[in-house]
Structures are given as structure tokens and as C-alpha cells.
Amino acid sequence: MTDKNTTNNSEISTIPAVQVELEKSLREIFGEDIAFIEPHAWKEYGLTIQVSPSKIKSVMTTLKDDNRTHFDMLIDVTCVDWLDQKDERFEIVYQLLSVELSHRLCVKVSLPETAPEIDSVRDLWSTANFLEREVFDMFGVGFKGHGDLRRILMYDEFVGHPLRKDYHILNKQPRIPLRVPELRNTSNDLHRAPLVGMPTKKQRL
């Protein structure tokens, strides 16, 4: 991969030294396997790289295990739907943090519209469990090797993925029977002793 953006000298002074060192380390470790791209936010901590889907697992493993990067925390996994705006419709976005080294990194991976799928990183960071399930539920992106990939916000019979841009807000969903029959409200059966009131000033006199 080739860089789409390279940090210039005028910007270096506003970027923490740990982030400058991180960029240097990433270039040494990965070479052409990653591309640096323009960040959308967090300019001073906004180091962002693009990774191909076939290399995401090996890159993420190295980012966690290498002493120069040591990303011990996966903060977030989300998805962007670029419907009719980019050749690759979906973009998976990972936010990484190294607590030990105090640096951050955004990792982006582009996926096609048809059968979007990517390797799971659940075995690297346990936080990926629910995060990847949410992306699967809302966008329909599969995560190979997740082990428990099922809906987390919508019910199992829900049709479609509500955060895709072509999901119509007025879509109707199939009616399903109650999973647990409604039970009689038993709160009326509860009894407790009367509350003990404190004497008023007049009563004390």
C-alpha cells in the first residue's frame, strides 16, 4: 500500500511525541502492508491507517503483541456505510489504545457490498465480542471466527440491518409470539409492616 497522507513538518509540533514515535514504529514494522490516511478527528492523536481485509488479523495481532505498539485495549469497533459514495460500500473502523505507551490508533478496512466479511479479533481483545455482534446486527457484516455471532440489539427474527442506509424507516417486521407468556402482576400480593412515623415537634411538647 502507498500513503495517501504523510505528516508534514508544520504539523509535527502539535502532535505528541508518543504519536510521532508510533508512526515511525508502524512504518518500520509494516512497510507497504499499511497505508496512512487523513484522520477525520483527534488531529493530535489522529493517526489512521488503512489495512486490506486479508491482512487485518496479522496486523492486529502485531499491533497488540509488538513492544513498540502494544495496543492492549480495543476501545471500539464500528462500521460506516458509504452507499453509492465509494466502490467498497462498507468500512470497518477500529479504535485502539495503548494504556502502557499512551498512544492511539485508528484502523480502517474497506469491504464490498456483497457478502461483507472480515476476520474477528475477539480472540485478541474480549471487548470485540459485543462490538462485533453489534456491527453484525446493525450492518450485516460477518466476522469469521467470532464463535457466537448473533444479533445483540434486534430480536432473532428481525429482517434486515437497521443502520444500513438503504434500510427504509417504515419497514415492517414480522409479528412473533411472546417468548414468555404474560404473567399476572404479583406486586399486589406483597405486604409490609406500616411505616413508623417520627413524632412532630407539637407532639413532643
N, C-alpha and C. Protein backbone atom coordinates (compact mmCIF):
# COMPACT_ATOMS: atom_id res chain seq x y z
N MET A 1 0.83 -1.19 0.00
CA MET A 1 0.00 0.00 0.00
C MET A 1 0.87 1.25 0.00
N THR A 2 0.34 2.30 -0.57
CA THR A 2 1.07 3.57 -0.58
C THR A 2 0.34 4.58 0.26
N ASP A 3 1.09 5.54 0.81
CA ASP A 3 0.48 6.55 1.67
C ASP A 3 -0.42 7.48 0.91
N LYS A 4 -1.56 7.80 1.51
CA LYS A 4 -2.44 8.84 0.98
C LYS A 4 -2.16 10.17 1.67
N ASN A 5 -1.50 10.09 2.82
CA ASN A 5 -1.20 11.30 3.56
C ASN A 5 0.06 11.09 4.38
N THR A 6 0.95 12.05 4.38
CA THR A 6 2.16 11.98 5.17
C THR A 6 2.24 13.21 6.04
N THR A 7 2.55 13.03 7.31
CA THR A 7 2.63 14.15 8.23
C THR A 7 3.72 15.11 7.81
N ASN A 8 3.40 16.41 7.68
CA ASN A 8 4.42 17.38 7.30
C ASN A 8 5.03 18.02 8.54
N ASN A 9 6.11 18.75 8.33
CA ASN A 9 6.87 19.30 9.46
C ASN A 9 6.07 20.29 10.29
N SER A 10 5.18 21.07 9.65
CA SER A 10 4.40 22.07 10.39
C SER A 10 3.42 21.44 11.35
N GLU A 11 3.01 20.17 11.08
CA GLU A 11 2.05 19.50 11.93
C GLU A 11 2.72 18.76 13.09
N ILE A 12 3.99 18.40 12.92
CA ILE A 12 4.66 17.58 13.92
C ILE A 12 4.67 18.26 15.28
N SER A 13 4.83 19.59 15.30
CA SER A 13 4.94 20.30 16.57
C SER A 13 3.67 20.21 17.40
N THR A 14 2.52 19.94 16.77
CA THR A 14 1.25 19.86 17.50
C THR A 14 0.90 18.43 17.89
N ILE A 15 1.70 17.48 17.45
CA ILE A 15 1.42 16.08 17.72
C ILE A 15 2.31 15.59 18.86
N PRO A 16 1.72 14.94 19.86
CA PRO A 16 2.53 14.43 20.98
C PRO A 16 3.66 13.53 20.50
N ALA A 17 4.75 13.55 21.23
CA ALA A 17 5.93 12.77 20.83
C ALA A 17 5.61 11.29 20.73
N VAL A 18 4.70 10.79 21.59
CA VAL A 18 4.38 9.36 21.54
C VAL A 18 3.71 8.99 20.22
N GLN A 19 2.92 9.92 19.66
CA GLN A 19 2.28 9.63 18.37
C GLN A 19 3.28 9.70 17.22
N VAL A 20 4.22 10.62 17.30
CA VAL A 20 5.27 10.70 16.28
C VAL A 20 6.11 9.42 16.29
N GLU A 21 6.42 8.94 17.49
CA GLU A 21 7.19 7.70 17.62
C GLU A 21 6.39 6.51 17.13
N LEU A 22 5.07 6.53 17.37
CA LEU A 22 4.22 5.44 16.91
C LEU A 22 4.23 5.36 15.39
N GLU A 23 4.10 6.49 14.73
CA GLU A 23 4.11 6.49 13.25
C GLU A 23 5.43 5.92 12.73
N LYS A 24 6.51 6.30 13.34
CA LYS A 24 7.82 5.78 12.94
C LYS A 24 7.86 4.26 13.11
N SER A 25 7.37 3.79 14.24
CA SER A 25 7.38 2.34 14.50
C SER A 25 6.51 1.59 13.51
N LEU A 26 5.34 2.15 13.20
CA LEU A 26 4.43 1.48 12.26
C LEU A 26 5.06 1.35 10.88
N ARG A 27 5.77 2.37 10.45
CA ARG A 27 6.45 2.30 9.15
C ARG A 27 7.53 1.22 9.16
N GLU A 28 8.25 1.11 10.27
CA GLU A 28 9.30 0.10 10.37
C GLU A 28 8.73 -1.31 10.42
N ILE A 29 7.63 -1.48 11.12
CA ILE A 29 7.07 -2.82 11.32
C ILE A 29 6.34 -3.33 10.09
N PHE A 30 5.50 -2.48 9.48
CA PHE A 30 4.58 -2.95 8.45
C PHE A 30 4.97 -2.58 7.02
N GLY A 31 5.73 -1.55 6.85
CA GLY A 31 6.12 -1.16 5.49
C GLY A 31 4.93 -0.90 4.60
N GLU A 32 4.87 -1.64 3.48
CA GLU A 32 3.81 -1.45 2.48
C GLU A 32 2.51 -2.16 2.84
N ASP A 33 2.47 -2.87 3.95
CA ASP A 33 1.25 -3.59 4.32
C ASP A 33 0.16 -2.67 4.85
N ILE A 34 0.51 -1.43 5.17
CA ILE A 34 -0.47 -0.46 5.65
C ILE A 34 -0.31 0.83 4.87
N ALA A 35 -1.34 1.67 4.91
CA ALA A 35 -1.28 3.00 4.31
C ALA A 35 -1.77 4.01 5.32
N PHE A 36 -1.07 5.11 5.46
CA PHE A 36 -1.50 6.18 6.35
C PHE A 36 -2.48 7.07 5.60
N ILE A 37 -3.62 7.37 6.23
CA ILE A 37 -4.65 8.18 5.59
C ILE A 37 -5.03 9.35 6.48
N GLU A 38 -5.69 10.33 5.90
CA GLU A 38 -6.08 11.54 6.61
C GLU A 38 -7.10 11.23 7.70
N PRO A 39 -6.83 11.60 8.95
CA PRO A 39 -7.81 11.37 10.02
C PRO A 39 -8.97 12.34 9.93
N HIS A 40 -10.13 11.93 10.44
CA HIS A 40 -11.31 12.79 10.43
C HIS A 40 -11.42 13.63 11.71
N ALA A 41 -10.76 13.21 12.76
CA ALA A 41 -10.86 13.92 14.04
C ALA A 41 -9.63 13.59 14.88
N TRP A 42 -9.59 14.17 16.10
CA TRP A 42 -8.47 13.92 17.01
C TRP A 42 -7.14 14.19 16.30
N LYS A 43 -7.00 15.37 15.73
CA LYS A 43 -5.84 15.64 14.91
C LYS A 43 -4.52 15.33 15.60
N GLU A 44 -4.44 15.66 16.90
CA GLU A 44 -3.18 15.42 17.60
C GLU A 44 -2.97 13.95 17.94
N TYR A 45 -4.06 13.18 17.99
CA TYR A 45 -3.96 11.74 18.22
C TYR A 45 -4.61 10.99 17.05
N GLY A 46 -4.66 11.62 15.90
CA GLY A 46 -5.47 11.09 14.82
C GLY A 46 -4.75 10.22 13.82
N LEU A 47 -3.76 9.48 14.26
CA LEU A 47 -3.05 8.60 13.34
C LEU A 47 -3.99 7.50 12.86
N THR A 48 -4.18 7.42 11.56
CA THR A 48 -5.13 6.48 10.97
C THR A 48 -4.46 5.70 9.86
N ILE A 49 -4.67 4.39 9.86
CA ILE A 49 -4.09 3.56 8.82
C ILE A 49 -5.17 2.74 8.13
N GLN A 50 -4.91 2.41 6.86
CA GLN A 50 -5.81 1.57 6.07
C GLN A 50 -5.13 0.21 5.91
N VAL A 51 -5.92 -0.85 6.13
CA VAL A 51 -5.40 -2.22 6.04
C VAL A 51 -6.32 -3.02 5.13
N SER A 52 -5.75 -3.90 4.32
CA SER A 52 -6.58 -4.75 3.47
C SER A 52 -7.22 -5.85 4.31
N PRO A 53 -8.41 -6.32 3.93
CA PRO A 53 -9.10 -7.34 4.72
C PRO A 53 -8.28 -8.61 4.93
N SER A 54 -7.49 -9.00 3.95
CA SER A 54 -6.72 -10.23 4.06
C SER A 54 -5.60 -10.14 5.08
N LYS A 55 -5.19 -8.93 5.45
CA LYS A 55 -4.07 -8.74 6.37
C LYS A 55 -4.50 -8.27 7.75
N ILE A 56 -5.81 -8.06 7.96
CA ILE A 56 -6.24 -7.43 9.20
C ILE A 56 -5.87 -8.25 10.43
N LYS A 57 -6.00 -9.57 10.38
CA LYS A 57 -5.72 -10.38 11.57
C LYS A 57 -4.24 -10.33 11.93
N SER A 58 -3.38 -10.47 10.94
CA SER A 58 -1.94 -10.44 11.22
C SER A 58 -1.49 -9.07 11.70
N VAL A 59 -2.05 -8.00 11.10
CA VAL A 59 -1.70 -6.64 11.51
C VAL A 59 -2.16 -6.38 12.94
N MET A 60 -3.39 -6.76 13.25
CA MET A 60 -3.92 -6.53 14.60
C MET A 60 -3.16 -7.33 15.64
N THR A 61 -2.78 -8.54 15.32
CA THR A 61 -2.00 -9.36 16.25
C THR A 61 -0.67 -8.70 16.57
N THR A 62 -0.02 -8.17 15.54
CA THR A 62 1.26 -7.49 15.74
C THR A 62 1.07 -6.21 16.53
N LEU A 63 0.01 -5.46 16.23
CA LEU A 63 -0.24 -4.22 16.96
C LEU A 63 -0.42 -4.47 18.44
N LYS A 64 -0.99 -5.61 18.79
CA LYS A 64 -1.18 -5.92 20.20
C LYS A 64 0.11 -6.45 20.84
N ASP A 65 0.84 -7.30 20.13
CA ASP A 65 1.94 -8.03 20.75
C ASP A 65 3.30 -7.35 20.66
N ASP A 66 3.51 -6.53 19.64
CA ASP A 66 4.82 -5.90 19.48
C ASP A 66 5.07 -4.88 20.59
N ASN A 67 6.24 -4.90 21.19
CA ASN A 67 6.56 -4.00 22.30
C ASN A 67 6.56 -2.53 21.89
N ARG A 68 6.73 -2.25 20.60
CA ARG A 68 6.76 -0.86 20.13
C ARG A 68 5.36 -0.27 19.97
N THR A 69 4.37 -1.12 19.88
CA THR A 69 2.98 -0.64 19.72
C THR A 69 2.12 -1.02 20.92
N HIS A 70 2.11 -2.27 21.27
CA HIS A 70 1.42 -2.81 22.46
C HIS A 70 0.05 -2.18 22.70
N PHE A 71 -0.84 -2.36 21.74
CA PHE A 71 -2.21 -1.89 21.91
C PHE A 71 -2.99 -2.91 22.73
N ASP A 72 -3.06 -2.64 24.03
CA ASP A 72 -3.68 -3.58 24.95
C ASP A 72 -5.17 -3.34 25.15
N MET A 73 -5.74 -2.35 24.48
CA MET A 73 -7.17 -2.07 24.65
C MET A 73 -7.82 -1.77 23.29
N LEU A 74 -8.89 -2.49 23.02
CA LEU A 74 -9.75 -2.20 21.87
C LEU A 74 -10.92 -1.38 22.38
N ILE A 75 -10.94 -0.10 22.01
CA ILE A 75 -11.97 0.81 22.53
C ILE A 75 -13.28 0.65 21.79
N ASP A 76 -13.21 0.49 20.47
CA ASP A 76 -14.46 0.46 19.71
C ASP A 76 -14.25 -0.24 18.37
N VAL A 77 -15.33 -0.86 17.89
CA VAL A 77 -15.41 -1.37 16.53
C VAL A 77 -16.74 -0.89 15.99
N THR A 78 -16.70 -0.20 14.87
CA THR A 78 -17.95 0.27 14.27
C THR A 78 -17.86 0.14 12.76
N CYS A 79 -18.90 0.59 12.09
CA CYS A 79 -18.96 0.44 10.63
C CYS A 79 -19.53 1.72 10.02
N VAL A 80 -19.07 2.04 8.83
CA VAL A 80 -19.60 3.17 8.06
C VAL A 80 -20.16 2.62 6.76
N ASP A 81 -21.36 3.03 6.41
CA ASP A 81 -21.99 2.63 5.16
C ASP A 81 -21.82 3.75 4.15
N TRP A 82 -20.98 3.52 3.14
CA TRP A 82 -20.71 4.52 2.10
C TRP A 82 -21.55 4.26 0.85
N LEU A 83 -22.81 3.93 1.04
CA LEU A 83 -23.70 3.58 -0.06
C LEU A 83 -23.62 4.62 -1.19
N ASP A 84 -23.29 4.15 -2.39
CA ASP A 84 -23.24 4.99 -3.60
C ASP A 84 -22.19 6.10 -3.53
N GLN A 85 -21.27 6.04 -2.58
CA GLN A 85 -20.24 7.06 -2.46
C GLN A 85 -18.84 6.50 -2.70
N LYS A 86 -18.65 5.22 -2.42
CA LYS A 86 -17.34 4.60 -2.63
C LYS A 86 -17.52 3.25 -3.31
N ASP A 87 -16.45 2.78 -3.97
CA ASP A 87 -16.52 1.48 -4.63
C ASP A 87 -16.76 0.36 -3.63
N GLU A 88 -16.08 0.43 -2.48
CA GLU A 88 -16.29 -0.53 -1.41
C GLU A 88 -17.29 0.09 -0.43
N ARG A 89 -18.46 -0.52 -0.33
CA ARG A 89 -19.55 0.12 0.40
C ARG A 89 -19.29 0.28 1.89
N PHE A 90 -18.75 -0.75 2.54
CA PHE A 90 -18.62 -0.74 3.99
C PHE A 90 -17.19 -0.50 4.44
N GLU A 91 -17.06 0.18 5.56
CA GLU A 91 -15.75 0.44 6.14
C GLU A 91 -15.80 0.10 7.63
N ILE A 92 -15.03 -0.88 8.04
CA ILE A 92 -14.93 -1.24 9.45
C ILE A 92 -13.86 -0.36 10.09
N VAL A 93 -14.20 0.21 11.24
CA VAL A 93 -13.30 1.16 11.92
C VAL A 93 -13.00 0.65 13.33
N TYR A 94 -11.72 0.47 13.60
CA TYR A 94 -11.26 0.03 14.93
C TYR A 94 -10.55 1.19 15.62
N GLN A 95 -10.83 1.38 16.91
CA GLN A 95 -10.13 2.38 17.71
C GLN A 95 -9.31 1.64 18.77
N LEU A 96 -7.99 1.83 18.70
CA LEU A 96 -7.07 1.13 19.60
C LEU A 96 -6.38 2.11 20.55
N LEU A 97 -6.08 1.62 21.75
CA LEU A 97 -5.36 2.42 22.74
C LEU A 97 -4.31 1.56 23.43
N SER A 98 -3.13 2.13 23.61
CA SER A 98 -2.12 1.50 24.44
C SER A 98 -2.08 2.24 25.78
N VAL A 99 -2.56 1.58 26.81
CA VAL A 99 -2.55 2.18 28.15
C VAL A 99 -1.11 2.37 28.62
N GLU A 100 -0.27 1.39 28.32
CA GLU A 100 1.11 1.43 28.77
C GLU A 100 1.91 2.54 28.07
N LEU A 101 1.73 2.67 26.75
CA LEU A 101 2.54 3.61 25.98
C LEU A 101 1.83 4.93 25.70
N SER A 102 0.56 5.03 26.05
CA SER A 102 -0.22 6.28 25.92
C SER A 102 -0.32 6.79 24.49
N HIS A 103 -0.50 5.87 23.55
CA HIS A 103 -0.76 6.32 22.18
C HIS A 103 -2.01 5.63 21.62
N ARG A 104 -2.55 6.22 20.57
CA ARG A 104 -3.81 5.76 19.98
C ARG A 104 -3.63 5.48 18.50
N LEU A 105 -4.56 4.69 17.95
CA LEU A 105 -4.52 4.39 16.53
C LEU A 105 -5.92 4.05 16.04
N CYS A 106 -6.25 4.55 14.88
CA CYS A 106 -7.49 4.19 14.18
C CYS A 106 -7.13 3.31 13.00
N VAL A 107 -7.78 2.16 12.89
CA VAL A 107 -7.53 1.22 11.80
C VAL A 107 -8.81 1.07 10.99
N LYS A 108 -8.68 1.21 9.65
CA LYS A 108 -9.85 1.12 8.78
C LYS A 108 -9.66 0.03 7.74
N VAL A 109 -10.76 -0.69 7.47
CA VAL A 109 -10.75 -1.76 6.49
C VAL A 109 -11.99 -1.62 5.60
N SER A 110 -11.81 -1.63 4.30
CA SER A 110 -12.92 -1.50 3.36
C SER A 110 -13.41 -2.87 2.94
N LEU A 111 -14.74 -3.02 2.87
CA LEU A 111 -15.36 -4.29 2.50
C LEU A 111 -16.39 -4.07 1.40
N PRO A 112 -16.61 -5.08 0.55
CA PRO A 112 -17.56 -4.93 -0.56
C PRO A 112 -19.01 -4.99 -0.08
N GLU A 113 -19.90 -4.56 -0.94
CA GLU A 113 -21.33 -4.59 -0.61
C GLU A 113 -21.85 -6.01 -0.54
N THR A 114 -21.37 -6.88 -1.43
CA THR A 114 -21.84 -8.25 -1.48
C THR A 114 -21.10 -9.12 -0.48
N ALA A 115 -21.84 -9.73 0.43
CA ALA A 115 -21.29 -10.64 1.45
C ALA A 115 -20.07 -10.05 2.16
N PRO A 116 -20.22 -8.89 2.81
CA PRO A 116 -19.08 -8.31 3.53
C PRO A 116 -18.70 -9.18 4.73
N GLU A 117 -17.41 -9.51 4.83
CA GLU A 117 -16.95 -10.37 5.91
C GLU A 117 -15.49 -10.08 6.21
N ILE A 118 -15.10 -10.24 7.47
CA ILE A 118 -13.74 -9.95 7.90
C ILE A 118 -13.40 -10.85 9.08
N ASP A 119 -12.12 -11.08 9.30
CA ASP A 119 -11.71 -11.91 10.44
C ASP A 119 -12.05 -11.23 11.76
N SER A 120 -12.51 -12.01 12.72
CA SER A 120 -12.80 -11.50 14.05
C SER A 120 -11.51 -11.26 14.82
N VAL A 121 -11.54 -10.28 15.71
CA VAL A 121 -10.40 -10.04 16.61
C VAL A 121 -10.81 -10.33 18.05
N ARG A 122 -11.88 -11.10 18.21
CA ARG A 122 -12.36 -11.43 19.56
C ARG A 122 -11.31 -12.17 20.37
N ASP A 123 -10.51 -13.01 19.71
CA ASP A 123 -9.50 -13.77 20.44
C ASP A 123 -8.33 -12.89 20.89
N LEU A 124 -8.22 -11.68 20.32
CA LEU A 124 -7.17 -10.74 20.72
C LEU A 124 -7.65 -9.83 21.84
N TRP A 125 -8.88 -9.32 21.69
CA TRP A 125 -9.47 -8.43 22.70
C TRP A 125 -10.89 -8.93 22.98
N SER A 126 -11.18 -9.27 24.21
CA SER A 126 -12.50 -9.80 24.54
C SER A 126 -13.60 -8.76 24.33
N THR A 127 -13.26 -7.47 24.34
CA THR A 127 -14.28 -6.44 24.10
C THR A 127 -14.87 -6.54 22.70
N ALA A 128 -14.18 -7.21 21.80
CA ALA A 128 -14.69 -7.35 20.43
C ALA A 128 -15.93 -8.22 20.38
N ASN A 129 -16.18 -9.00 21.42
CA ASN A 129 -17.33 -9.89 21.42
C ASN A 129 -18.62 -9.13 21.12
N PHE A 130 -19.01 -8.21 22.01
CA PHE A 130 -20.25 -7.47 21.82
C PHE A 130 -20.14 -6.44 20.70
N LEU A 131 -18.96 -5.85 20.52
CA LEU A 131 -18.79 -4.82 19.49
C LEU A 131 -18.99 -5.40 18.09
N GLU A 132 -18.42 -6.56 17.84
CA GLU A 132 -18.59 -7.18 16.52
C GLU A 132 -20.02 -7.67 16.33
N ARG A 133 -20.64 -8.13 17.39
CA ARG A 133 -22.04 -8.55 17.29
C ARG A 133 -22.94 -7.37 16.93
N GLU A 134 -22.64 -6.20 17.48
CA GLU A 134 -23.45 -5.02 17.16
C GLU A 134 -23.29 -4.62 15.70
N VAL A 135 -22.06 -4.67 15.18
CA VAL A 135 -21.84 -4.35 13.76
C VAL A 135 -22.55 -5.37 12.88
N PHE A 136 -22.50 -6.64 13.26
CA PHE A 136 -23.22 -7.68 12.52
C PHE A 136 -24.72 -7.41 12.52
N ASP A 137 -25.25 -7.05 13.68
CA ASP A 137 -26.68 -6.82 13.83
C ASP A 137 -27.14 -5.60 13.04
N MET A 138 -26.42 -4.50 13.17
CA MET A 138 -26.84 -3.24 12.57
C MET A 138 -26.49 -3.09 11.09
N PHE A 139 -25.37 -3.72 10.65
CA PHE A 139 -24.90 -3.53 9.27
C PHE A 139 -24.83 -4.82 8.45
N GLY A 140 -24.93 -5.96 9.10
CA GLY A 140 -24.87 -7.22 8.36
C GLY A 140 -23.49 -7.64 7.93
N VAL A 141 -22.46 -7.17 8.62
CA VAL A 141 -21.09 -7.56 8.32
C VAL A 141 -20.73 -8.80 9.14
N GLY A 142 -20.19 -9.82 8.49
CA GLY A 142 -19.81 -11.04 9.19
C GLY A 142 -18.40 -10.97 9.74
N PHE A 143 -18.16 -11.68 10.84
CA PHE A 143 -16.84 -11.74 11.46
C PHE A 143 -16.44 -13.20 11.60
N LYS A 144 -15.54 -13.62 10.73
CA LYS A 144 -15.11 -15.03 10.71
C LYS A 144 -14.36 -15.40 11.99
N GLY A 145 -14.75 -16.53 12.59
CA GLY A 145 -14.07 -17.00 13.77
C GLY A 145 -14.55 -16.37 15.06
N HIS A 146 -15.63 -15.60 15.01
CA HIS A 146 -16.14 -14.96 16.22
C HIS A 146 -16.59 -15.99 17.25
N GLY A 147 -17.32 -16.99 16.80
CA GLY A 147 -17.74 -18.07 17.70
C GLY A 147 -19.14 -17.93 18.27
N ASP A 148 -19.69 -16.73 18.29
CA ASP A 148 -21.04 -16.53 18.84
C ASP A 148 -21.69 -15.34 18.15
N LEU A 149 -21.62 -15.31 16.84
CA LEU A 149 -22.09 -14.15 16.07
C LEU A 149 -23.61 -14.23 15.89
N ARG A 150 -24.32 -13.46 16.69
CA ARG A 150 -25.78 -13.39 16.63
C ARG A 150 -26.21 -11.98 16.99
N ARG A 151 -27.46 -11.68 16.72
CA ARG A 151 -27.96 -10.34 16.99
C ARG A 151 -27.82 -10.00 18.47
N ILE A 152 -27.65 -8.71 18.74
CA ILE A 152 -27.48 -8.27 20.12
C ILE A 152 -28.48 -7.19 20.51
N LEU A 153 -28.97 -6.41 19.53
CA LEU A 153 -29.95 -5.35 19.79
C LEU A 153 -31.33 -5.72 19.24
N MET A 154 -31.37 -6.26 18.03
CA MET A 154 -32.62 -6.69 17.43
C MET A 154 -32.91 -8.14 17.82
N TYR A 155 -34.18 -8.54 17.71
CA TYR A 155 -34.55 -9.93 18.00
C TYR A 155 -34.19 -10.82 16.81
N ASP A 156 -34.11 -12.11 17.04
CA ASP A 156 -33.59 -13.04 16.04
C ASP A 156 -34.35 -13.00 14.71
N GLU A 157 -35.67 -12.79 14.77
CA GLU A 157 -36.49 -12.82 13.55
C GLU A 157 -36.48 -11.49 12.79
N PHE A 158 -35.79 -10.49 13.30
CA PHE A 158 -35.75 -9.18 12.64
C PHE A 158 -35.17 -9.34 11.24
N VAL A 159 -35.80 -8.69 10.28
CA VAL A 159 -35.37 -8.79 8.88
C VAL A 159 -34.60 -7.53 8.48
N GLY A 160 -33.37 -7.69 8.01
CA GLY A 160 -32.58 -6.55 7.57
C GLY A 160 -31.65 -6.04 8.66
N HIS A 161 -30.99 -4.93 8.33
CA HIS A 161 -30.00 -4.34 9.24
C HIS A 161 -30.25 -2.84 9.31
N PRO A 162 -30.78 -2.35 10.44
CA PRO A 162 -31.36 -1.00 10.51
C PRO A 162 -30.41 0.17 10.34
N LEU A 163 -29.10 -0.01 10.42
CA LEU A 163 -28.21 1.12 10.21
C LEU A 163 -27.64 1.18 8.79
N ARG A 164 -28.05 0.26 7.94
CA ARG A 164 -27.71 0.40 6.52
C ARG A 164 -28.51 1.54 5.93
N LYS A 165 -27.88 2.30 5.05
CA LYS A 165 -28.54 3.49 4.52
C LYS A 165 -29.73 3.16 3.62
N ASP A 166 -29.80 1.95 3.11
CA ASP A 166 -30.94 1.61 2.26
C ASP A 166 -32.04 0.90 3.04
N TYR A 167 -31.92 0.86 4.37
CA TYR A 167 -33.00 0.29 5.18
C TYR A 167 -34.08 1.35 5.36
N HIS A 168 -35.28 1.05 4.91
CA HIS A 168 -36.36 2.03 4.96
C HIS A 168 -36.92 2.14 6.36
N ILE A 169 -37.08 3.37 6.83
CA ILE A 169 -37.52 3.61 8.20
C ILE A 169 -38.93 3.08 8.45
N LEU A 170 -39.72 2.92 7.38
CA LEU A 170 -41.09 2.43 7.54
C LEU A 170 -41.21 0.92 7.30
N ASN A 171 -40.09 0.23 7.20
CA ASN A 171 -40.14 -1.22 7.02
C ASN A 171 -40.94 -1.88 8.14
N LYS A 172 -41.74 -2.85 7.77
CA LYS A 172 -42.50 -3.60 8.76
C LYS A 172 -41.79 -4.92 9.05
N GLN A 173 -41.84 -5.33 10.29
CA GLN A 173 -41.20 -6.57 10.72
C GLN A 173 -42.25 -7.64 11.01
N PRO A 174 -41.86 -8.91 10.88
CA PRO A 174 -42.84 -9.99 11.15
C PRO A 174 -43.26 -10.02 12.61
N ARG A 175 -44.54 -10.30 12.81
CA ARG A 175 -45.05 -10.43 14.17
C ARG A 175 -44.67 -11.81 14.69
N ILE A 176 -44.24 -11.85 15.93
CA ILE A 176 -43.83 -13.12 16.52
C ILE A 176 -44.56 -13.31 17.85
N PRO A 177 -44.78 -14.55 18.24
CA PRO A 177 -45.46 -14.78 19.53
C PRO A 177 -44.55 -14.40 20.69
N LEU A 178 -45.18 -14.12 21.84
CA LEU A 178 -44.40 -13.82 23.03
C LEU A 178 -43.52 -15.00 23.40
N ARG A 179 -42.26 -14.72 23.68
CA ARG A 179 -41.35 -15.80 24.06
C ARG A 179 -41.70 -16.32 25.46
N VAL A 180 -42.16 -15.42 26.35
CA VAL A 180 -42.57 -15.81 27.70
C VAL A 180 -44.00 -15.31 27.88
N PRO A 181 -44.96 -16.18 28.16
CA PRO A 181 -46.35 -15.71 28.35
C PRO A 181 -46.42 -14.65 29.43
N GLU A 182 -47.33 -13.70 29.22
CA GLU A 182 -47.51 -12.65 30.22
C GLU A 182 -48.05 -13.27 31.51
N LEU A 183 -47.48 -12.84 32.61
CA LEU A 183 -47.86 -13.37 33.91
C LEU A 183 -48.64 -12.31 34.69
N ARG A 184 -49.43 -12.79 35.63
CA ARG A 184 -50.16 -11.88 36.50
C ARG A 184 -49.17 -11.07 37.33
N ASN A 185 -49.44 -9.79 37.45
CA ASN A 185 -48.58 -8.93 38.26
C ASN A 185 -48.77 -9.28 39.73
N THR A 186 -47.73 -9.80 40.34
CA THR A 186 -47.82 -10.27 41.72
C THR A 186 -47.44 -9.21 42.75
N SER A 187 -47.21 -7.98 42.31
CA SER A 187 -46.81 -6.95 43.27
C SER A 187 -47.91 -6.67 44.29
N ASN A 188 -49.18 -6.91 43.89
CA ASN A 188 -50.28 -6.68 44.83
C ASN A 188 -50.28 -7.70 45.97
N ASP A 189 -49.55 -8.78 45.81
CA ASP A 189 -49.51 -9.79 46.86
C ASP A 189 -48.48 -9.46 47.94
N LEU A 190 -47.68 -8.45 47.69
CA LEU A 190 -46.63 -8.12 48.64
C LEU A 190 -47.21 -7.35 49.82
N HIS A 191 -46.76 -7.67 51.02
CA HIS A 191 -47.23 -6.97 52.22
C HIS A 191 -46.03 -6.58 53.06
N ARG A 192 -46.15 -5.43 53.70
CA ARG A 192 -45.09 -5.00 54.60
C ARG A 192 -45.72 -4.26 55.78
N ALA A 193 -44.99 -4.23 56.87
CA ALA A 193 -45.50 -3.56 58.06
C ALA A 193 -45.64 -2.06 57.81
N PRO A 194 -46.60 -1.42 58.50
CA PRO A 194 -46.76 0.03 58.32
C PRO A 194 -45.49 0.77 58.69
N LEU A 195 -45.25 1.88 58.00
CA LEU A 195 -44.09 2.69 58.31
C LEU A 195 -44.26 3.36 59.66
N VAL A 196 -43.20 3.45 60.41
CA VAL A 196 -43.22 4.11 61.72
C VAL A 196 -42.91 5.57 61.52
N GLY A 197 -43.85 6.43 61.96
CA GLY A 197 -43.64 7.86 61.78
C GLY A 197 -42.90 8.47 62.97
N MET A 198 -42.13 9.50 62.70
CA MET A 198 -41.43 10.22 63.75
C MET A 198 -42.37 11.25 64.37
N PRO A 199 -42.34 11.45 65.69
CA PRO A 199 -43.24 12.44 66.33
C PRO A 199 -42.92 13.86 65.86
N THR A 200 -43.95 14.64 65.71
CA THR A 200 -43.75 16.03 65.31
C THR A 200 -43.34 16.85 66.52
N LYS A 201 -42.92 18.08 66.27
CA LYS A 201 -42.48 18.97 67.36
C LYS A 201 -43.63 19.22 68.33
N LYS A 202 -44.84 19.37 67.82
CA LYS A 202 -46.00 19.64 68.65
C LYS A 202 -46.29 18.45 69.57
N GLN A 203 -46.12 17.21 69.00
CA GLN A 203 -46.37 16.03 69.80
C GLN A 203 -45.33 15.88 70.91
N ARG A 204 -44.10 16.28 70.64
CA ARG A 204 -43.05 16.18 71.65
C ARG A 204 -43.29 17.15 72.82
N LEU A 205 -43.89 18.30 72.52
CA LEU A 205 -44.18 19.27 73.55
C LEU A 205 -45.36 18.81 74.42
